[in-house]
Amino acid sequence: MNDACRFVRSMGLGWNLGNTFDAFSLHNEATQARETGASWRPEDQQRLWGNQPFTARQARRVADAGFGTIRIPVTWAEWMSPDGDVDPVWMQSVMDAVEASLAVGLKVILNVHHDGGEGDVPWIRTISQHEEMVLHRYQRLWEQIGARCVDYDERLVLEGANELDFHDVAMDDAYGLLGRINQTFVDTVRAAGGQNGTRFLLIPGYNTDTTKTCVPGYVLPQDSVDHRLLLSVHYYSPAEFSVAEHDSPWCKPSLTWGSAVEGAAMPADFERLRTTYVERGVPVAIGEYGVLTQPCLFSTSAAAHAPDIVD
């Protein structure tokens, strides 16, 4: 078992800080506040989707509940300049959450989250039309995150993105775009120096989807050190049961699970991950999974619970 596999095994069960640092304005709240001269603080951003700002006490409660890892999803878009410069106030708020979590013995996953989602605020998925601009901004963002992380030990894992998908190009081109993004992430973090030179990096699969990641079109980035890349997938399958709301327009929601077909699909998915990655020495972390138990207004990340190795 290589270092990466041993590390992911040590992460244990994880807990996502969903709908907090990853929240973004759905009704132009941040823009309107700034345009009227009102203050807009990181605490206001964290409250956008119904949660309270993260505190050191909450980090302690996560650790006391038996979790080994906390994943801190972060959406940076509303705190960045067009050129990619992050507001120091937002950066400090994020790093305070990282430090509070490390202080209570948790491993931490820090990422770039809804910047790669859909809507008016996210920007990474525009790469097919604005590749140079997006890659420049993305590199600039990771230069700043990397600079703040030079002294943190390997308990801090950096995750390049969340669920990147490119609907406006052919799949071959989409895999190529993700490959360029992932390679930019690895190269930029390594160049940031300090502990980043050997830090474990979590690389998102295509849309973090098992099927779309276990194919020849998906290629992991190159790294300057061995056995320091981890693969990220999410598991909301079957989606009709796991995440579809009662009025979802894209499917007929299912209230039950357990047919012979469904029962066979899950072990087949994990066997595919094993043979494609784990047997090659690339550990797989399940960054999110969950089942909605009631109608949900916001992202499913609040219901997600686990980085863990597939073995």
Protein backbone atom coordinates (compact mmCIF):
# COMPACT_ATOMS: atom_id res chain seq x y z
CA MET A 1 0.00 0.00 0.00
CA ASN A 2 1.52 3.34 -1.04
CA ASP A 3 1.52 6.61 0.92
CA ALA A 4 -1.59 7.96 -0.78
CA CYS A 5 -3.64 4.86 -0.01
CA ARG A 6 -2.46 4.85 3.60
CA PHE A 7 -3.35 8.51 3.97
CA VAL A 8 -6.85 8.21 2.55
CA ARG A 9 -7.52 5.21 4.77
CA SER A 10 -6.49 7.34 7.76
CA MET A 11 -9.03 10.04 6.86
CA GLY A 12 -11.87 7.88 8.11
CA LEU A 13 -15.45 9.07 7.94
CA GLY A 14 -15.85 12.70 6.93
CA TRP A 15 -18.37 15.49 7.33
CA ASN A 16 -19.17 18.23 4.82
CA LEU A 17 -19.63 21.84 5.94
CA GLY A 18 -22.32 22.30 3.31
CA ASN A 19 -24.21 25.46 2.37
CA THR A 20 -21.91 27.71 4.37
CA PHE A 21 -18.67 28.91 2.75
CA ASP A 22 -19.92 27.50 -0.56
CA ALA A 23 -23.13 29.58 -0.55
CA PHE A 24 -23.49 32.26 -3.21
CA SER A 25 -26.11 34.90 -3.93
CA LEU A 26 -29.29 33.59 -5.51
CA HIS A 27 -30.94 37.03 -5.50
CA ASN A 28 -27.96 39.40 -5.87
CA GLU A 29 -27.76 39.92 -2.12
CA ALA A 30 -24.00 40.55 -2.04
CA THR A 31 -24.03 42.88 -5.05
CA GLN A 32 -26.98 44.89 -3.77
CA ALA A 33 -25.40 45.33 -0.37
CA ARG A 34 -22.15 46.59 -1.85
CA GLU A 35 -23.89 48.88 -4.34
CA THR A 36 -25.83 50.58 -1.55
CA GLY A 37 -22.73 51.01 0.58
CA ALA A 38 -23.86 48.51 3.19
CA SER A 39 -21.31 46.16 4.71
CA TRP A 40 -21.16 42.60 3.41
CA ARG A 41 -19.11 40.37 5.65
CA PRO A 42 -18.02 36.74 5.37
CA GLU A 43 -20.56 36.01 8.10
CA ASP A 44 -23.32 37.39 5.84
CA GLN A 45 -22.14 35.16 2.99
CA GLN A 46 -22.22 32.07 5.20
CA ARG A 47 -25.82 32.80 6.21
CA LEU A 48 -27.11 33.06 2.62
CA TRP A 49 -28.45 29.51 2.43
CA GLY A 50 -29.76 29.22 5.96
CA ASN A 51 -26.74 28.19 8.02
CA GLN A 52 -24.94 30.02 10.80
CA PRO A 53 -21.28 31.03 10.39
CA PHE A 54 -18.80 28.28 11.18
CA THR A 55 -17.08 28.46 14.56
CA ALA A 56 -14.30 26.70 16.45
CA ARG A 57 -17.00 25.22 18.69
CA GLN A 58 -18.62 23.59 15.68
CA ALA A 59 -15.26 22.14 14.63
CA ARG A 60 -14.94 20.62 18.10
CA ARG A 61 -18.41 19.10 17.86
CA VAL A 62 -17.54 17.48 14.52
CA ALA A 63 -14.42 15.94 16.02
CA ASP A 64 -16.22 14.85 19.18
CA ALA A 65 -18.87 13.12 17.06
CA GLY A 66 -16.15 10.79 15.77
CA PHE A 67 -15.45 12.22 12.33
CA GLY A 68 -11.85 12.15 11.16
CA THR A 69 -12.10 14.66 8.33
CA ILE A 70 -14.03 17.82 7.57
CA ARG A 71 -14.54 18.98 4.00
CA ILE A 72 -14.86 22.76 3.70
CA PRO A 73 -16.40 23.63 0.32
CA VAL A 74 -15.73 27.24 -0.65
CA THR A 75 -17.19 29.37 -3.43
CA TRP A 76 -14.78 32.22 -4.16
CA ALA A 77 -16.56 33.99 -7.03
CA GLU A 78 -18.21 36.86 -5.14
CA TRP A 79 -14.99 37.67 -3.30
CA MET A 80 -12.70 37.77 -6.35
CA SER A 81 -11.75 40.53 -8.77
CA PRO A 82 -12.13 39.87 -12.52
CA ASP A 83 -8.40 39.11 -12.58
CA GLY A 84 -8.71 36.56 -9.80
CA ASP A 85 -7.51 38.47 -6.75
CA VAL A 86 -9.28 37.24 -3.60
CA ASP A 87 -10.49 39.71 -0.98
CA PRO A 88 -8.15 39.22 2.01
CA VAL A 89 -11.13 39.36 4.39
CA TRP A 90 -12.73 36.31 2.75
CA MET A 91 -9.43 34.45 2.54
CA GLN A 92 -8.81 35.03 6.24
CA SER A 93 -12.29 33.82 7.15
CA VAL A 94 -11.73 30.61 5.19
CA MET A 95 -8.32 30.01 6.72
CA ASP A 96 -9.69 30.64 10.21
CA ALA A 97 -12.09 27.73 9.60
CA VAL A 98 -9.20 25.57 8.38
CA GLU A 99 -7.09 26.37 11.44
CA ALA A 100 -9.97 25.77 13.85
CA SER A 101 -10.57 22.36 12.30
CA LEU A 102 -6.91 21.34 12.33
CA ALA A 103 -6.64 22.49 15.94
CA VAL A 104 -9.16 19.89 17.10
CA GLY A 105 -7.38 17.05 15.29
CA LEU A 106 -9.43 16.90 12.09
CA LYS A 107 -7.98 16.42 8.66
CA VAL A 108 -9.31 19.12 6.31
CA ILE A 109 -10.29 19.17 2.65
CA LEU A 110 -10.42 22.70 1.22
CA ASN A 111 -11.74 23.23 -2.28
CA VAL A 112 -13.05 25.47 -5.05
CA HIS A 113 -16.75 24.64 -5.11
CA HIS A 114 -19.64 26.39 -6.89
CA ASP A 115 -17.23 28.46 -8.97
CA GLY A 116 -17.54 25.43 -11.23
CA GLY A 117 -21.32 25.14 -10.98
CA GLU A 118 -24.22 26.45 -13.03
CA GLY A 119 -25.81 29.89 -12.82
CA ASP A 120 -24.84 33.55 -13.12
CA VAL A 121 -22.14 33.56 -10.42
CA PRO A 122 -20.05 30.49 -11.35
CA TRP A 123 -17.37 31.05 -13.96
CA ILE A 124 -15.21 27.95 -14.51
CA ARG A 125 -17.72 26.25 -16.84
CA THR A 126 -17.35 29.14 -19.29
CA ILE A 127 -13.92 27.75 -20.20
CA SER A 128 -15.09 26.48 -23.60
CA GLN A 129 -15.69 30.09 -24.67
CA HIS A 130 -13.02 31.83 -22.58
CA GLU A 131 -10.27 29.29 -21.99
CA GLU A 132 -7.36 31.69 -21.54
CA MET A 133 -9.30 33.91 -19.13
CA VAL A 134 -10.66 31.04 -17.06
CA LEU A 135 -7.32 29.26 -16.75
CA HIS A 136 -5.59 32.52 -15.80
CA ARG A 137 -8.17 33.28 -13.13
CA TYR A 138 -8.13 29.70 -11.87
CA GLN A 139 -4.34 29.69 -11.64
CA ARG A 140 -4.35 33.03 -9.86
CA LEU A 141 -6.86 31.71 -7.33
CA TRP A 142 -4.75 28.66 -6.52
CA GLU A 143 -1.59 30.76 -6.29
CA GLN A 144 -3.22 32.70 -3.46
CA ILE A 145 -4.64 29.64 -1.70
CA GLY A 146 -1.30 27.89 -2.04
CA ALA A 147 0.54 30.89 -0.61
CA ARG A 148 -1.64 30.75 2.50
CA CYS A 149 -1.07 27.00 2.91
CA VAL A 150 2.71 26.76 2.68
CA ASP A 151 3.14 25.95 6.39
CA TYR A 152 0.21 23.58 6.94
CA ASP A 153 1.16 19.92 7.15
CA GLU A 154 -0.30 17.07 5.13
CA ARG A 155 -3.50 16.98 7.20
CA LEU A 156 -4.71 19.77 4.91
CA VAL A 157 -5.79 18.39 1.53
CA LEU A 158 -6.51 20.74 -1.35
CA GLU A 159 -9.25 19.77 -3.81
CA GLY A 160 -9.15 21.36 -7.26
CA ALA A 161 -12.86 21.67 -7.99
CA ASN A 162 -16.23 20.14 -7.29
CA GLU A 163 -18.54 18.76 -10.00
CA LEU A 164 -17.13 20.08 -13.26
CA ASP A 165 -19.17 19.29 -16.36
CA PHE A 166 -19.20 20.97 -19.77
CA HIS A 167 -22.52 20.59 -21.54
CA ASP A 168 -21.71 22.78 -24.53
CA VAL A 169 -18.92 20.70 -26.05
CA ALA A 170 -18.44 17.10 -27.21
CA MET A 171 -17.29 14.66 -24.54
CA ASP A 172 -13.77 14.31 -25.97
CA ASP A 173 -13.37 18.08 -25.75
CA ALA A 174 -14.95 18.13 -22.29
CA TYR A 175 -12.41 15.61 -20.98
CA GLY A 176 -9.66 17.74 -22.49
CA LEU A 177 -10.91 20.87 -20.75
CA LEU A 178 -11.07 19.12 -17.39
CA GLY A 179 -7.60 17.74 -17.97
CA ARG A 180 -6.20 21.24 -18.50
CA ILE A 181 -7.94 22.52 -15.40
CA ASN A 182 -6.69 19.63 -13.27
CA GLN A 183 -3.13 20.00 -14.56
CA THR A 184 -3.19 23.74 -13.84
CA PHE A 185 -4.30 22.96 -10.29
CA VAL A 186 -1.48 20.48 -9.63
CA ASP A 187 1.23 22.62 -11.24
CA THR A 188 0.12 25.80 -9.44
CA VAL A 189 -0.06 24.24 -5.98
CA ARG A 190 3.30 22.51 -6.36
CA ALA A 191 4.88 25.80 -7.47
CA ALA A 192 3.54 27.56 -4.37
CA GLY A 193 6.31 25.94 -2.34
CA GLY A 194 6.59 24.92 1.29
CA GLN A 195 4.44 21.97 2.32
CA ASN A 196 2.59 22.30 -0.99
CA GLY A 197 5.48 20.56 -2.70
CA THR A 198 4.34 17.20 -1.37
CA ARG A 199 0.80 17.94 -0.18
CA PHE A 200 -1.91 15.39 -1.01
CA LEU A 201 -4.12 16.80 -3.76
CA LEU A 202 -7.67 15.67 -4.43
CA ILE A 203 -8.40 15.53 -8.16
CA PRO A 204 -12.05 15.69 -9.25
CA GLY A 205 -13.28 13.04 -11.64
CA TYR A 206 -15.46 14.12 -14.55
CA ASN A 207 -18.53 15.61 -12.85
CA THR A 208 -17.21 13.47 -9.95
CA ASP A 209 -19.29 10.73 -11.57
CA THR A 210 -18.12 7.13 -11.27
CA THR A 211 -19.14 6.04 -14.75
CA LYS A 212 -17.79 9.14 -16.51
CA THR A 213 -14.50 8.93 -14.61
CA CYS A 214 -13.79 5.21 -15.14
CA VAL A 215 -13.20 5.60 -18.88
CA PRO A 216 -10.10 6.10 -21.06
CA GLY A 217 -11.13 9.69 -21.84
CA TYR A 218 -10.51 10.74 -18.25
CA VAL A 219 -6.80 11.09 -17.50
CA LEU A 220 -5.26 12.09 -14.18
CA PRO A 221 -2.81 15.00 -14.27
CA GLN A 222 0.94 14.54 -14.10
CA ASP A 223 2.63 15.26 -10.79
CA SER A 224 6.19 16.07 -9.78
CA VAL A 225 6.04 13.66 -6.82
CA ASP A 226 4.82 10.08 -6.61
CA HIS A 227 1.71 8.85 -4.82
CA ARG A 228 0.33 12.21 -3.75
CA LEU A 229 -2.77 12.42 -5.93
CA LEU A 230 -6.17 11.22 -4.71
CA LEU A 231 -9.23 10.82 -6.93
CA SER A 232 -12.54 12.41 -5.93
CA VAL A 233 -15.95 11.01 -6.85
CA HIS A 234 -19.42 11.58 -5.42
CA TYR A 235 -22.06 8.92 -5.01
CA TYR A 236 -25.70 9.92 -5.44
CA SER A 237 -26.86 6.85 -7.30
CA PRO A 238 -29.50 6.23 -8.40
CA ALA A 239 -30.17 9.95 -8.63
CA GLU A 240 -33.92 9.41 -8.97
CA PHE A 241 -33.89 8.06 -5.41
CA SER A 242 -30.98 9.95 -3.84
CA VAL A 243 -31.39 13.56 -4.89
CA ALA A 244 -34.51 14.01 -7.02
CA GLU A 245 -37.10 16.27 -5.42
CA HIS A 246 -40.82 15.66 -5.76
CA ASP A 247 -41.08 18.16 -8.62
CA SER A 248 -37.78 17.46 -10.39
CA PRO A 249 -38.30 18.07 -14.13
CA TRP A 250 -35.44 15.82 -15.26
CA CYS A 251 -36.77 12.50 -13.97
CA LYS A 252 -39.57 10.67 -12.21
CA PRO A 253 -38.51 10.64 -8.56
CA SER A 254 -38.41 7.29 -6.81
CA LEU A 255 -39.37 6.78 -3.16
CA THR A 256 -37.93 3.28 -2.90
CA TRP A 257 -34.63 1.56 -3.50
CA GLY A 258 -33.65 -2.09 -3.48
CA SER A 259 -34.56 -3.80 -6.73
CA ALA A 260 -32.29 -6.53 -8.04
CA VAL A 261 -30.90 -4.15 -10.63
CA GLU A 262 -30.24 -1.41 -8.08
CA GLY A 263 -28.71 -3.85 -5.65
CA ALA A 264 -26.28 -5.08 -8.28
CA ALA A 265 -25.38 -1.60 -9.55
CA MET A 266 -23.75 -0.34 -6.36
CA PRO A 267 -21.11 -3.08 -5.95
CA ALA A 268 -20.48 -2.90 -9.70
CA ASP A 269 -19.75 0.82 -9.43
CA PHE A 270 -17.29 0.29 -6.62
CA GLU A 271 -15.64 -2.64 -8.36
CA ARG A 272 -15.13 -0.39 -11.39
CA LEU A 273 -13.39 2.18 -9.19
CA ARG A 274 -11.25 -0.54 -7.66
CA THR A 275 -10.04 -2.01 -10.91
CA THR A 276 -9.60 1.31 -12.68
CA TYR A 277 -7.84 3.22 -9.90
CA VAL A 278 -7.25 1.52 -6.55
CA GLU A 279 -5.49 -1.49 -8.05
CA ARG A 280 -3.20 0.98 -9.86
CA GLY A 281 -2.30 2.65 -6.56
CA VAL A 282 -4.65 5.63 -6.91
CA PRO A 283 -6.95 5.85 -3.85
CA VAL A 284 -10.51 7.06 -4.28
CA ALA A 285 -12.18 9.42 -1.82
CA ILE A 286 -15.97 9.68 -1.83
CA GLY A 287 -16.29 13.39 -1.21
CA GLU A 288 -20.09 13.42 -1.04
CA TYR A 289 -22.93 10.99 -0.72
CA GLY A 290 -26.39 11.23 0.75
CA VAL A 291 -30.13 10.86 0.34
CA LEU A 292 -32.61 13.72 0.57
CA THR A 293 -35.23 13.06 3.20
CA GLN A 294 -37.39 16.11 2.49
CA PRO A 295 -37.75 18.79 -0.21
CA CYS A 296 -34.51 20.74 -0.43
CA LEU A 297 -34.14 24.36 -1.56
CA PHE A 298 -30.41 24.36 -1.99
CA SER A 299 -27.49 22.16 -2.95
CA THR A 300 -27.22 18.54 -1.93
CA SER A 301 -23.80 19.11 -0.37
CA ALA A 302 -25.42 19.72 3.01
CA ALA A 303 -26.52 16.10 3.07
CA ALA A 304 -23.14 14.73 2.08
CA HIS A 305 -21.02 12.75 4.47
CA ALA A 306 -17.77 11.12 3.60
CA PRO A 307 -14.35 11.15 2.27
CA ASP A 308 -13.31 7.51 2.55
CA ILE A 309 -11.20 5.09 0.60
CA VAL A 310 -12.70 2.55 -1.75
CA ASP A 311 -11.13 -0.77 -0.88
